[in-house]
Amino acid sequence: MSNILFPDLSGLSWEYTVAPGFSTGIQQSTGGREVRAAYWSAPIWKISLTYNYLHDDSSHVDQNGYSELQQLVGFFLARQGSFDSFLLDLAQLTRKPLDSTVSGQPIGTGDGSTTSFQLVRNVAGYLEQVQNPAGQSATVYVAGVKKTQGTDYTIANGIVTFAVAPANGAAITADFQWLWRVRFAQDSSEFDNFMYQLWECKKVDLLSVRV
């Protein structure tokens, strides 16, 4: 499990696909009645990316001197295909910082005894757990008062744990940048050389991973 970010490369197509999926067991009687069992309480997301071009020349390199093609190929090889997970910033795909920024998100209400609260993001009323805030950090407020991470609370796997339980009725909110933990969906990838020093990768499929 790596905490390295998926590389941000200029050739990414504007069009990409984000698809949530669930797993449901369905048994149907001869009369047509169904019994359904939800195996997952949260979705697994599939993100499909297309790279229309990847430079492979000395004028388009990163701080280590690697071309865009080398960065993506090297990243895939270092992850051993679908074996290793890593982090993805949605704002890298959309170019909109607010797509990975959460502000003033309610994460619970104090009862005087509970000390742990899960970070969540609100998707039109559906609260999805956030296990990977950037740097496992967040700015947390109790009853509107900003608390200090490392002193008043710690965060691990997106769970905020207070040193002292928030008072009964105290609203707990958080500001943070959320990241997806993902892996490559396949163990192989295809890169096509369509012009001199220009390559393309028509399909990069990623799947979200729960810790």
N, C-alpha and C. Protein backbone atom coordinates (compact mmCIF):
# COMPACT_ATOMS: atom_id res chain seq x y z
N MET A 1 0.85 -1.19 0.00
CA MET A 1 0.00 0.00 0.00
C MET A 1 0.89 1.25 0.00
N SER A 2 0.84 2.00 -1.09
CA SER A 2 1.67 3.19 -1.23
C SER A 2 0.85 4.44 -0.99
N ASN A 3 1.51 5.47 -0.48
CA ASN A 3 0.86 6.77 -0.30
C ASN A 3 1.31 7.76 -1.36
N ILE A 4 1.91 7.24 -2.44
CA ILE A 4 2.35 8.08 -3.54
C ILE A 4 1.14 8.48 -4.38
N LEU A 5 1.18 9.71 -4.93
CA LEU A 5 0.08 10.20 -5.76
C LEU A 5 0.26 9.75 -7.21
N PHE A 6 -0.86 9.44 -7.85
CA PHE A 6 -0.86 9.14 -9.28
C PHE A 6 -0.32 10.35 -10.03
N PRO A 7 0.55 10.16 -11.03
CA PRO A 7 1.18 11.30 -11.70
C PRO A 7 0.20 12.19 -12.45
N ASP A 8 0.48 13.47 -12.42
CA ASP A 8 -0.34 14.47 -13.12
C ASP A 8 0.33 14.78 -14.45
N LEU A 9 -0.24 14.28 -15.55
CA LEU A 9 0.38 14.39 -16.86
C LEU A 9 -0.52 15.19 -17.80
N SER A 10 0.10 15.98 -18.67
CA SER A 10 -0.64 16.94 -19.48
C SER A 10 -1.51 16.32 -20.56
N GLY A 11 -1.21 15.10 -20.99
CA GLY A 11 -1.94 14.52 -22.11
C GLY A 11 -3.26 13.89 -21.77
N LEU A 12 -3.71 14.00 -20.53
CA LEU A 12 -4.97 13.38 -20.13
C LEU A 12 -6.15 14.00 -20.86
N SER A 13 -6.99 13.16 -21.44
CA SER A 13 -8.18 13.63 -22.14
C SER A 13 -9.14 14.30 -21.17
N TRP A 14 -9.86 15.30 -21.67
CA TRP A 14 -10.87 15.94 -20.83
C TRP A 14 -11.96 14.96 -20.46
N GLU A 15 -12.25 14.03 -21.36
CA GLU A 15 -13.30 13.04 -21.11
C GLU A 15 -12.74 11.88 -20.29
N TYR A 16 -13.40 11.60 -19.19
CA TYR A 16 -13.05 10.44 -18.38
C TYR A 16 -14.33 9.91 -17.75
N THR A 17 -14.27 8.72 -17.18
CA THR A 17 -15.46 8.08 -16.63
C THR A 17 -15.25 7.75 -15.16
N VAL A 18 -16.26 8.07 -14.35
CA VAL A 18 -16.28 7.70 -12.94
C VAL A 18 -17.56 6.91 -12.70
N ALA A 19 -17.42 5.64 -12.30
CA ALA A 19 -18.59 4.76 -12.20
C ALA A 19 -18.62 4.06 -10.84
N PRO A 20 -19.60 4.41 -9.98
CA PRO A 20 -19.75 3.69 -8.72
C PRO A 20 -20.47 2.37 -8.95
N GLY A 21 -20.09 1.35 -8.17
CA GLY A 21 -20.74 0.05 -8.30
C GLY A 21 -20.91 -0.63 -6.96
N PHE A 22 -21.97 -1.44 -6.84
CA PHE A 22 -22.25 -2.20 -5.62
C PHE A 22 -22.30 -3.69 -5.96
N SER A 23 -22.37 -4.51 -4.94
CA SER A 23 -22.52 -5.95 -5.11
C SER A 23 -23.76 -6.40 -4.36
N THR A 24 -24.73 -6.94 -5.10
CA THR A 24 -26.00 -7.35 -4.51
C THR A 24 -26.30 -8.79 -4.86
N GLY A 25 -26.62 -9.60 -3.85
CA GLY A 25 -27.06 -10.96 -4.08
C GLY A 25 -28.57 -10.99 -4.22
N ILE A 26 -29.07 -11.62 -5.29
CA ILE A 26 -30.51 -11.63 -5.56
C ILE A 26 -30.98 -13.08 -5.76
N GLN A 27 -31.97 -13.48 -4.97
CA GLN A 27 -32.61 -14.78 -5.16
C GLN A 27 -34.07 -14.53 -5.51
N GLN A 28 -34.51 -15.20 -6.57
CA GLN A 28 -35.88 -15.00 -7.05
C GLN A 28 -36.65 -16.30 -6.97
N SER A 29 -37.83 -16.22 -6.40
CA SER A 29 -38.69 -17.40 -6.30
C SER A 29 -39.40 -17.64 -7.63
N THR A 30 -40.03 -18.80 -7.75
CA THR A 30 -40.77 -19.11 -8.97
C THR A 30 -41.93 -18.14 -9.17
N GLY A 31 -42.40 -17.55 -8.09
CA GLY A 31 -43.50 -16.59 -8.19
C GLY A 31 -43.04 -15.19 -8.52
N GLY A 32 -41.74 -15.00 -8.62
CA GLY A 32 -41.22 -13.69 -9.00
C GLY A 32 -40.80 -12.81 -7.84
N ARG A 33 -41.07 -13.26 -6.61
CA ARG A 33 -40.63 -12.46 -5.46
C ARG A 33 -39.12 -12.56 -5.31
N GLU A 34 -38.52 -11.47 -4.84
CA GLU A 34 -37.07 -11.42 -4.71
C GLU A 34 -36.65 -11.23 -3.26
N VAL A 35 -35.53 -11.83 -2.94
CA VAL A 35 -34.84 -11.55 -1.68
C VAL A 35 -33.46 -11.00 -2.06
N ARG A 36 -33.15 -9.82 -1.58
CA ARG A 36 -31.90 -9.17 -1.96
C ARG A 36 -31.02 -8.95 -0.74
N ALA A 37 -29.74 -9.16 -0.92
CA ALA A 37 -28.77 -8.92 0.15
C ALA A 37 -27.67 -8.00 -0.39
N ALA A 38 -27.44 -6.90 0.31
CA ALA A 38 -26.39 -5.95 -0.08
C ALA A 38 -25.08 -6.41 0.56
N TYR A 39 -24.12 -6.81 -0.28
CA TYR A 39 -22.84 -7.29 0.23
C TYR A 39 -21.90 -6.14 0.60
N TRP A 40 -22.06 -5.01 -0.03
CA TRP A 40 -21.22 -3.85 0.25
C TRP A 40 -22.08 -2.70 0.76
N SER A 41 -21.64 -2.06 1.82
CA SER A 41 -22.35 -0.89 2.33
C SER A 41 -21.90 0.40 1.66
N ALA A 42 -20.78 0.34 0.94
CA ALA A 42 -20.24 1.50 0.24
C ALA A 42 -19.81 1.06 -1.15
N PRO A 43 -19.83 1.98 -2.12
CA PRO A 43 -19.51 1.59 -3.49
C PRO A 43 -18.02 1.40 -3.72
N ILE A 44 -17.71 0.61 -4.74
CA ILE A 44 -16.38 0.57 -5.33
C ILE A 44 -16.46 1.41 -6.59
N TRP A 45 -15.54 2.35 -6.73
CA TRP A 45 -15.55 3.26 -7.87
C TRP A 45 -14.58 2.79 -8.94
N LYS A 46 -15.01 2.88 -10.19
CA LYS A 46 -14.12 2.61 -11.32
C LYS A 46 -13.87 3.93 -12.05
N ILE A 47 -12.61 4.27 -12.22
CA ILE A 47 -12.24 5.50 -12.90
C ILE A 47 -11.48 5.11 -14.16
N SER A 48 -11.98 5.55 -15.32
CA SER A 48 -11.35 5.22 -16.59
C SER A 48 -10.78 6.48 -17.22
N LEU A 49 -9.48 6.44 -17.53
CA LEU A 49 -8.77 7.60 -18.07
C LEU A 49 -8.24 7.28 -19.46
N THR A 50 -8.11 8.32 -20.27
CA THR A 50 -7.52 8.21 -21.60
C THR A 50 -6.43 9.26 -21.75
N TYR A 51 -5.27 8.82 -22.20
CA TYR A 51 -4.18 9.76 -22.49
C TYR A 51 -4.04 9.87 -24.00
N ASN A 52 -4.45 11.03 -24.54
CA ASN A 52 -4.38 11.24 -25.98
C ASN A 52 -2.94 11.39 -26.46
N TYR A 53 -2.08 11.86 -25.58
CA TYR A 53 -0.67 11.95 -25.95
C TYR A 53 0.19 11.92 -24.69
N LEU A 54 1.36 11.36 -24.84
CA LEU A 54 2.39 11.32 -23.79
C LEU A 54 3.72 11.66 -24.47
N HIS A 55 4.32 12.75 -24.06
CA HIS A 55 5.60 13.13 -24.65
C HIS A 55 6.70 12.17 -24.20
N ASP A 56 7.61 11.92 -25.12
CA ASP A 56 8.79 11.12 -24.78
C ASP A 56 10.03 11.81 -25.35
N ASP A 57 10.25 13.04 -24.87
CA ASP A 57 11.39 13.82 -25.32
C ASP A 57 11.93 14.64 -24.15
N SER A 58 13.10 15.19 -24.34
CA SER A 58 13.80 15.88 -23.25
C SER A 58 13.20 17.23 -22.89
N SER A 59 12.27 17.74 -23.69
CA SER A 59 11.66 19.04 -23.39
C SER A 59 10.42 18.92 -22.51
N HIS A 60 9.97 17.69 -22.24
CA HIS A 60 8.81 17.47 -21.38
C HIS A 60 9.19 16.43 -20.33
N VAL A 61 9.92 16.88 -19.32
CA VAL A 61 10.40 15.97 -18.28
C VAL A 61 10.06 16.52 -16.90
N ASP A 62 10.06 15.63 -15.90
CA ASP A 62 9.82 16.06 -14.54
C ASP A 62 11.14 16.44 -13.87
N GLN A 63 11.07 16.70 -12.56
CA GLN A 63 12.27 17.14 -11.84
C GLN A 63 13.37 16.08 -11.81
N ASN A 64 12.99 14.84 -12.11
CA ASN A 64 13.99 13.76 -12.13
C ASN A 64 14.50 13.46 -13.54
N GLY A 65 14.01 14.23 -14.52
CA GLY A 65 14.46 14.04 -15.89
C GLY A 65 13.72 12.98 -16.66
N TYR A 66 12.54 12.53 -16.15
CA TYR A 66 11.77 11.49 -16.84
C TYR A 66 10.68 12.11 -17.71
N SER A 67 10.53 11.60 -18.90
CA SER A 67 9.48 12.08 -19.80
C SER A 67 8.11 11.64 -19.28
N GLU A 68 7.05 12.19 -19.88
CA GLU A 68 5.70 11.82 -19.46
C GLU A 68 5.43 10.34 -19.66
N LEU A 69 5.89 9.81 -20.80
CA LEU A 69 5.72 8.37 -21.04
C LEU A 69 6.44 7.56 -19.97
N GLN A 70 7.67 7.93 -19.68
CA GLN A 70 8.44 7.20 -18.67
C GLN A 70 7.78 7.28 -17.30
N GLN A 71 7.19 8.43 -16.97
CA GLN A 71 6.54 8.58 -15.67
C GLN A 71 5.37 7.61 -15.52
N LEU A 72 4.53 7.52 -16.55
CA LEU A 72 3.35 6.66 -16.45
C LEU A 72 3.75 5.18 -16.50
N VAL A 73 4.65 4.83 -17.41
CA VAL A 73 5.09 3.44 -17.50
C VAL A 73 5.80 3.04 -16.21
N GLY A 74 6.70 3.90 -15.73
CA GLY A 74 7.43 3.59 -14.50
C GLY A 74 6.52 3.46 -13.30
N PHE A 75 5.49 4.32 -13.24
CA PHE A 75 4.54 4.24 -12.13
C PHE A 75 3.79 2.92 -12.16
N PHE A 76 3.35 2.50 -13.35
CA PHE A 76 2.64 1.22 -13.50
C PHE A 76 3.54 0.05 -13.10
N LEU A 77 4.78 0.09 -13.55
CA LEU A 77 5.70 -1.01 -13.23
C LEU A 77 6.01 -1.06 -11.74
N ALA A 78 6.18 0.11 -11.11
CA ALA A 78 6.49 0.15 -9.69
C ALA A 78 5.34 -0.38 -8.84
N ARG A 79 4.13 -0.25 -9.33
CA ARG A 79 2.96 -0.77 -8.61
C ARG A 79 2.75 -2.26 -8.89
N GLN A 80 3.51 -2.83 -9.80
CA GLN A 80 3.35 -4.23 -10.21
C GLN A 80 1.93 -4.50 -10.69
N GLY A 81 1.49 -3.64 -11.59
CA GLY A 81 0.13 -3.77 -12.12
C GLY A 81 -0.90 -3.49 -11.04
N SER A 82 -1.80 -4.43 -10.83
CA SER A 82 -2.89 -4.23 -9.87
C SER A 82 -2.51 -4.60 -8.44
N PHE A 83 -1.25 -4.95 -8.21
CA PHE A 83 -0.85 -5.41 -6.87
C PHE A 83 -0.88 -4.31 -5.82
N ASP A 84 -0.28 -3.17 -6.11
CA ASP A 84 -0.10 -2.13 -5.10
C ASP A 84 -1.12 -1.02 -5.29
N SER A 85 -1.66 -0.51 -4.19
CA SER A 85 -2.58 0.62 -4.25
C SER A 85 -1.82 1.93 -4.09
N PHE A 86 -2.49 3.03 -4.46
CA PHE A 86 -1.88 4.35 -4.39
C PHE A 86 -2.99 5.38 -4.25
N LEU A 87 -2.66 6.66 -4.26
CA LEU A 87 -3.64 7.71 -4.03
C LEU A 87 -3.90 8.50 -5.31
N LEU A 88 -5.15 8.93 -5.47
CA LEU A 88 -5.57 9.71 -6.63
C LEU A 88 -6.29 10.96 -6.17
N ASP A 89 -5.89 12.11 -6.72
CA ASP A 89 -6.54 13.39 -6.43
C ASP A 89 -7.50 13.70 -7.58
N LEU A 90 -8.81 13.70 -7.30
CA LEU A 90 -9.81 13.93 -8.34
C LEU A 90 -9.61 15.28 -9.02
N ALA A 91 -9.14 16.27 -8.27
CA ALA A 91 -8.93 17.61 -8.84
C ALA A 91 -7.88 17.60 -9.94
N GLN A 92 -6.98 16.61 -9.94
CA GLN A 92 -6.02 16.49 -11.03
C GLN A 92 -6.73 16.18 -12.35
N LEU A 93 -7.83 15.45 -12.26
CA LEU A 93 -8.57 15.08 -13.47
C LEU A 93 -9.46 16.21 -13.95
N THR A 94 -10.14 16.87 -13.05
CA THR A 94 -11.12 17.88 -13.41
C THR A 94 -10.53 19.29 -13.52
N ARG A 95 -9.33 19.48 -12.95
CA ARG A 95 -8.69 20.80 -12.88
C ARG A 95 -9.52 21.78 -12.07
N LYS A 96 -10.35 21.24 -11.16
CA LYS A 96 -11.15 22.08 -10.26
C LYS A 96 -10.80 21.72 -8.82
N PRO A 97 -10.04 22.57 -8.12
CA PRO A 97 -9.61 22.26 -6.75
C PRO A 97 -10.75 21.87 -5.82
N LEU A 98 -11.94 22.44 -6.02
CA LEU A 98 -13.05 22.16 -5.12
C LEU A 98 -13.54 20.72 -5.22
N ASP A 99 -13.14 20.00 -6.28
CA ASP A 99 -13.57 18.61 -6.43
C ASP A 99 -12.89 17.67 -5.44
N SER A 100 -11.85 18.13 -4.77
CA SER A 100 -11.24 17.29 -3.74
C SER A 100 -11.11 18.03 -2.41
N THR A 101 -11.86 19.13 -2.29
CA THR A 101 -11.81 19.93 -1.06
C THR A 101 -13.15 19.88 -0.35
N VAL A 102 -13.13 19.58 0.93
CA VAL A 102 -14.34 19.52 1.74
C VAL A 102 -14.21 20.56 2.86
N SER A 103 -15.23 21.40 3.02
CA SER A 103 -15.18 22.44 4.04
C SER A 103 -16.44 22.39 4.90
N GLY A 104 -16.26 22.49 6.21
CA GLY A 104 -17.39 22.55 7.13
C GLY A 104 -18.24 21.30 7.15
N GLN A 105 -17.64 20.15 6.86
CA GLN A 105 -18.41 18.90 6.79
C GLN A 105 -18.73 18.37 8.19
N PRO A 106 -20.02 18.24 8.54
CA PRO A 106 -20.36 17.61 9.83
C PRO A 106 -19.91 16.16 9.85
N ILE A 107 -19.24 15.76 10.90
CA ILE A 107 -18.80 14.36 11.03
C ILE A 107 -19.34 13.71 12.30
N GLY A 108 -20.12 14.45 13.08
CA GLY A 108 -20.70 13.85 14.27
C GLY A 108 -21.13 14.90 15.27
N THR A 109 -21.73 14.41 16.34
CA THR A 109 -22.16 15.25 17.46
C THR A 109 -21.68 14.61 18.75
N GLY A 110 -21.05 15.40 19.59
CA GLY A 110 -20.52 14.87 20.84
C GLY A 110 -21.60 14.35 21.77
N ASP A 111 -21.24 13.31 22.55
CA ASP A 111 -22.17 12.80 23.56
C ASP A 111 -21.49 12.70 24.92
N GLY A 112 -20.28 13.24 25.01
CA GLY A 112 -19.56 13.23 26.28
C GLY A 112 -18.74 11.98 26.53
N SER A 113 -18.88 10.97 25.65
CA SER A 113 -18.11 9.73 25.86
C SER A 113 -17.44 9.22 24.59
N THR A 114 -18.05 9.44 23.43
CA THR A 114 -17.47 8.97 22.17
C THR A 114 -16.28 9.85 21.78
N THR A 115 -15.18 9.19 21.43
CA THR A 115 -13.98 9.94 21.08
C THR A 115 -13.59 9.82 19.61
N SER A 116 -14.14 8.86 18.87
CA SER A 116 -13.73 8.62 17.49
C SER A 116 -14.86 8.92 16.51
N PHE A 117 -14.53 9.63 15.42
CA PHE A 117 -15.50 10.03 14.41
C PHE A 117 -14.87 9.89 13.03
N GLN A 118 -15.61 9.28 12.11
CA GLN A 118 -15.12 9.04 10.76
C GLN A 118 -15.32 10.27 9.88
N LEU A 119 -14.26 10.65 9.14
CA LEU A 119 -14.43 11.70 8.14
C LEU A 119 -15.32 11.18 7.02
N VAL A 120 -16.17 12.05 6.50
CA VAL A 120 -17.08 11.68 5.41
C VAL A 120 -17.15 12.84 4.42
N ARG A 121 -17.59 12.50 3.22
CA ARG A 121 -17.92 13.53 2.23
C ARG A 121 -19.38 13.35 1.85
N ASN A 122 -20.05 14.46 1.58
CA ASN A 122 -21.48 14.45 1.30
C ASN A 122 -21.70 14.46 -0.20
N VAL A 123 -22.28 13.38 -0.73
CA VAL A 123 -22.61 13.30 -2.15
C VAL A 123 -24.12 13.38 -2.28
N ALA A 124 -24.64 14.61 -2.35
CA ALA A 124 -26.09 14.83 -2.48
C ALA A 124 -26.88 14.09 -1.41
N GLY A 125 -26.38 14.13 -0.18
CA GLY A 125 -27.08 13.51 0.94
C GLY A 125 -26.55 12.15 1.32
N TYR A 126 -25.80 11.50 0.42
CA TYR A 126 -25.18 10.21 0.74
C TYR A 126 -23.82 10.49 1.37
N LEU A 127 -23.59 9.98 2.56
CA LEU A 127 -22.34 10.21 3.27
C LEU A 127 -21.40 9.04 3.03
N GLU A 128 -20.31 9.32 2.32
CA GLU A 128 -19.33 8.29 2.01
C GLU A 128 -18.10 8.48 2.89
N GLN A 129 -17.64 7.40 3.48
CA GLN A 129 -16.46 7.47 4.34
C GLN A 129 -15.24 7.93 3.54
N VAL A 130 -14.43 8.77 4.18
CA VAL A 130 -13.16 9.21 3.61
C VAL A 130 -12.05 8.62 4.46
N GLN A 131 -11.38 7.62 3.92
CA GLN A 131 -10.31 6.96 4.67
C GLN A 131 -8.95 7.58 4.41
N ASN A 132 -8.88 8.40 3.34
CA ASN A 132 -7.58 8.93 2.95
C ASN A 132 -7.59 10.44 2.73
N PRO A 133 -7.80 11.21 3.81
CA PRO A 133 -7.58 12.64 3.66
C PRO A 133 -6.10 12.87 3.35
N ALA A 134 -5.79 13.90 2.58
CA ALA A 134 -4.41 14.16 2.19
C ALA A 134 -3.54 14.29 3.43
N GLY A 135 -2.48 13.47 3.49
CA GLY A 135 -1.57 13.52 4.62
C GLY A 135 -2.17 13.05 5.93
N GLN A 136 -3.32 12.37 5.86
CA GLN A 136 -4.06 11.97 7.07
C GLN A 136 -4.18 13.18 8.01
N SER A 137 -4.60 14.29 7.41
CA SER A 137 -4.75 15.51 8.21
C SER A 137 -6.07 16.20 7.87
N ALA A 138 -6.60 16.94 8.83
CA ALA A 138 -7.82 17.71 8.65
C ALA A 138 -7.87 18.78 9.73
N THR A 139 -8.55 19.86 9.43
CA THR A 139 -8.81 20.89 10.43
C THR A 139 -10.17 20.60 11.04
N VAL A 140 -10.19 20.34 12.33
CA VAL A 140 -11.41 19.89 13.00
C VAL A 140 -11.88 20.97 14.00
N TYR A 141 -13.20 21.16 14.02
CA TYR A 141 -13.82 22.14 14.92
C TYR A 141 -14.83 21.43 15.81
N VAL A 142 -14.84 21.79 17.07
CA VAL A 142 -15.84 21.29 18.02
C VAL A 142 -16.61 22.49 18.54
N ALA A 143 -17.93 22.49 18.25
CA ALA A 143 -18.79 23.63 18.62
C ALA A 143 -18.20 24.93 18.07
N GLY A 144 -17.64 24.85 16.85
CA GLY A 144 -17.11 26.03 16.20
C GLY A 144 -15.71 26.44 16.62
N VAL A 145 -15.11 25.72 17.57
CA VAL A 145 -13.77 26.05 18.08
C VAL A 145 -12.75 25.14 17.39
N LYS A 146 -11.76 25.75 16.76
CA LYS A 146 -10.73 24.98 16.06
C LYS A 146 -9.85 24.23 17.05
N LYS A 147 -9.64 22.95 16.76
CA LYS A 147 -8.79 22.11 17.60
C LYS A 147 -7.44 21.88 16.92
N THR A 148 -6.47 21.40 17.68
CA THR A 148 -5.11 21.21 17.18
C THR A 148 -4.82 19.73 16.98
N GLN A 149 -4.49 19.39 15.72
CA GLN A 149 -4.15 17.99 15.43
C GLN A 149 -2.82 17.66 16.09
N GLY A 150 -2.75 16.47 16.69
CA GLY A 150 -1.56 16.04 17.40
C GLY A 150 -1.64 16.33 18.89
N THR A 151 -2.47 17.30 19.25
CA THR A 151 -2.67 17.63 20.68
C THR A 151 -4.09 17.27 21.11
N ASP A 152 -5.07 17.85 20.39
CA ASP A 152 -6.47 17.59 20.73
C ASP A 152 -7.02 16.34 20.06
N TYR A 153 -6.44 15.97 18.93
CA TYR A 153 -6.94 14.80 18.20
C TYR A 153 -5.86 14.26 17.28
N THR A 154 -6.02 13.01 16.87
CA THR A 154 -5.17 12.37 15.87
C THR A 154 -6.07 11.81 14.77
N ILE A 155 -5.47 11.49 13.63
CA ILE A 155 -6.22 10.91 12.52
C ILE A 155 -5.47 9.71 11.96
N ALA A 156 -6.19 8.60 11.79
CA ALA A 156 -5.65 7.40 11.15
C ALA A 156 -6.76 6.77 10.32
N ASN A 157 -6.47 6.48 9.05
CA ASN A 157 -7.48 5.92 8.13
C ASN A 157 -8.75 6.77 8.09
N GLY A 158 -8.58 8.09 8.24
CA GLY A 158 -9.72 9.00 8.17
C GLY A 158 -10.55 9.04 9.43
N ILE A 159 -10.14 8.36 10.50
CA ILE A 159 -10.88 8.38 11.76
C ILE A 159 -10.25 9.41 12.69
N VAL A 160 -11.04 10.38 13.09
CA VAL A 160 -10.59 11.42 14.02
C VAL A 160 -10.81 10.92 15.45
N THR A 161 -9.73 10.85 16.21
CA THR A 161 -9.81 10.38 17.60
C THR A 161 -9.38 11.50 18.54
N PHE A 162 -10.29 11.92 19.39
CA PHE A 162 -10.03 13.02 20.32
C PHE A 162 -9.37 12.51 21.59
N ALA A 163 -8.51 13.35 22.15
CA ALA A 163 -7.90 13.03 23.44
C ALA A 163 -8.95 13.09 24.55
N VAL A 164 -9.90 14.01 24.40
CA VAL A 164 -11.00 14.15 25.35
C VAL A 164 -12.30 14.15 24.55
N ALA A 165 -13.26 13.35 24.96
CA ALA A 165 -14.52 13.25 24.23
C ALA A 165 -15.22 14.61 24.16
N PRO A 166 -15.69 15.01 22.96
CA PRO A 166 -16.45 16.26 22.84
C PRO A 166 -17.69 16.24 23.72
N ALA A 167 -18.05 17.42 24.20
CA ALA A 167 -19.19 17.55 25.12
C ALA A 167 -20.50 17.15 24.45
N ASN A 168 -21.44 16.75 25.24
CA ASN A 168 -22.76 16.34 24.75
C ASN A 168 -23.39 17.47 23.94
N GLY A 169 -23.81 17.16 22.73
CA GLY A 169 -24.47 18.12 21.87
C GLY A 169 -23.54 19.00 21.05
N ALA A 170 -22.23 18.87 21.24
CA ALA A 170 -21.28 19.70 20.50
C ALA A 170 -21.16 19.22 19.05
N ALA A 171 -21.37 20.13 18.11
CA ALA A 171 -21.26 19.80 16.70
C ALA A 171 -19.78 19.68 16.32
N ILE A 172 -19.45 18.63 15.56
CA ILE A 172 -18.07 18.39 15.13
C ILE A 172 -18.02 18.50 13.61
N THR A 173 -17.20 19.39 13.10
CA THR A 173 -17.06 19.59 11.67
C THR A 173 -15.59 19.52 11.28
N ALA A 174 -15.34 19.36 9.98
CA ALA A 174 -13.96 19.21 9.52
C ALA A 174 -13.77 19.82 8.14
N ASP A 175 -12.58 20.36 7.90
CA ASP A 175 -12.13 20.81 6.58
C ASP A 175 -10.97 19.91 6.17
N PHE A 176 -10.99 19.41 4.96
CA PHE A 176 -9.90 18.54 4.53
C PHE A 176 -9.90 18.36 3.01
N GLN A 177 -8.81 17.85 2.50
CA GLN A 177 -8.71 17.44 1.10
C GLN A 177 -8.82 15.93 1.06
N TRP A 178 -9.76 15.42 0.29
CA TRP A 178 -9.94 13.97 0.25
C TRP A 178 -9.31 13.38 -1.02
N LEU A 179 -8.74 12.21 -0.83
CA LEU A 179 -8.11 11.48 -1.93
C LEU A 179 -8.72 10.08 -2.02
N TRP A 180 -8.73 9.54 -3.23
CA TRP A 180 -9.14 8.15 -3.42
C TRP A 180 -7.94 7.24 -3.28
N ARG A 181 -8.09 6.12 -2.57
CA ARG A 181 -7.10 5.06 -2.64
C ARG A 181 -7.56 4.12 -3.74
N VAL A 182 -6.70 3.91 -4.72
CA VAL A 182 -7.07 3.13 -5.90
C VAL A 182 -5.94 2.16 -6.26
N ARG A 183 -6.23 1.29 -7.21
CA ARG A 183 -5.24 0.41 -7.81
C ARG A 183 -5.55 0.30 -9.28
N PHE A 184 -4.57 -0.15 -10.07
CA PHE A 184 -4.85 -0.44 -11.47
C PHE A 184 -5.79 -1.64 -11.56
N ALA A 185 -6.75 -1.57 -12.46
CA ALA A 185 -7.74 -2.65 -12.58
C ALA A 185 -7.16 -3.88 -13.27
N GLN A 186 -6.13 -3.69 -14.10
CA GLN A 186 -5.52 -4.81 -14.82
C GLN A 186 -4.03 -4.91 -14.50
N ASP A 187 -3.47 -6.07 -14.83
CA ASP A 187 -2.05 -6.31 -14.64
C ASP A 187 -1.23 -5.97 -15.88
N SER A 188 -1.89 -5.48 -16.92
CA SER A 188 -1.17 -5.10 -18.13
C SER A 188 -1.69 -3.75 -18.62
N SER A 189 -0.87 -3.07 -19.40
CA SER A 189 -1.25 -1.77 -19.96
C SER A 189 -0.62 -1.64 -21.34
N GLU A 190 -1.27 -0.88 -22.22
CA GLU A 190 -0.82 -0.77 -23.61
C GLU A 190 -0.52 0.67 -23.96
N PHE A 191 0.65 0.90 -24.54
CA PHE A 191 1.08 2.24 -24.95
C PHE A 191 1.38 2.20 -26.45
N ASP A 192 0.79 3.14 -27.21
CA ASP A 192 0.93 3.15 -28.67
C ASP A 192 1.74 4.38 -29.11
N ASN A 193 2.74 4.14 -29.97
CA ASN A 193 3.56 5.21 -30.53
C ASN A 193 2.94 5.63 -31.86
N PHE A 194 2.26 6.80 -31.88
CA PHE A 194 1.54 7.22 -33.08
C PHE A 194 2.25 8.31 -33.88
N MET A 195 3.22 8.99 -33.27
CA MET A 195 4.05 9.97 -33.96
C MET A 195 5.42 9.98 -33.31
N TYR A 196 6.35 10.65 -33.95
CA TYR A 196 7.70 10.72 -33.41
C TYR A 196 7.68 11.35 -32.03
N GLN A 197 8.13 10.61 -31.03
CA GLN A 197 8.23 11.05 -29.63
C GLN A 197 6.87 11.36 -29.00
N LEU A 198 5.81 10.83 -29.60
CA LEU A 198 4.47 10.98 -29.04
C LEU A 198 3.81 9.61 -28.93
N TRP A 199 3.29 9.33 -27.75
CA TRP A 199 2.62 8.07 -27.48
C TRP A 199 1.22 8.34 -26.96
N GLU A 200 0.41 7.30 -26.94
CA GLU A 200 -0.92 7.40 -26.36
C GLU A 200 -1.21 6.16 -25.53
N CYS A 201 -2.10 6.33 -24.57
CA CYS A 201 -2.58 5.20 -23.77
C CYS A 201 -4.09 5.36 -23.67
N LYS A 202 -4.80 4.58 -24.45
CA LYS A 202 -6.24 4.78 -24.62
C LYS A 202 -7.07 4.35 -23.43
N LYS A 203 -6.51 3.53 -22.55
CA LYS A 203 -7.32 3.06 -21.45
C LYS A 203 -6.48 2.80 -20.21
N VAL A 204 -6.74 3.59 -19.18
CA VAL A 204 -6.16 3.36 -17.87
C VAL A 204 -7.33 3.22 -16.90
N ASP A 205 -7.60 2.00 -16.45
CA ASP A 205 -8.72 1.74 -15.54
C ASP A 205 -8.20 1.61 -14.11
N LEU A 206 -8.83 2.36 -13.21
CA LEU A 206 -8.48 2.32 -11.79
C LEU A 206 -9.70 1.90 -11.00
N LEU A 207 -9.48 1.18 -9.91
CA LEU A 207 -10.55 0.78 -9.00
C LEU A 207 -10.26 1.30 -7.61
N SER A 208 -11.28 1.83 -6.93
CA SER A 208 -11.08 2.29 -5.56
C SER A 208 -10.89 1.10 -4.63
N VAL A 209 -10.12 1.34 -3.57
CA VAL A 209 -9.76 0.29 -2.61
C VAL A 209 -10.12 0.76 -1.22
N ARG A 210 -10.79 -0.09 -0.45
CA ARG A 210 -11.10 0.24 0.94
C ARG A 210 -10.02 -0.36 1.85
N VAL A 211 -9.67 0.38 2.87
CA VAL A 211 -8.65 -0.08 3.81
C VAL A 211 -9.28 -1.02 4.83
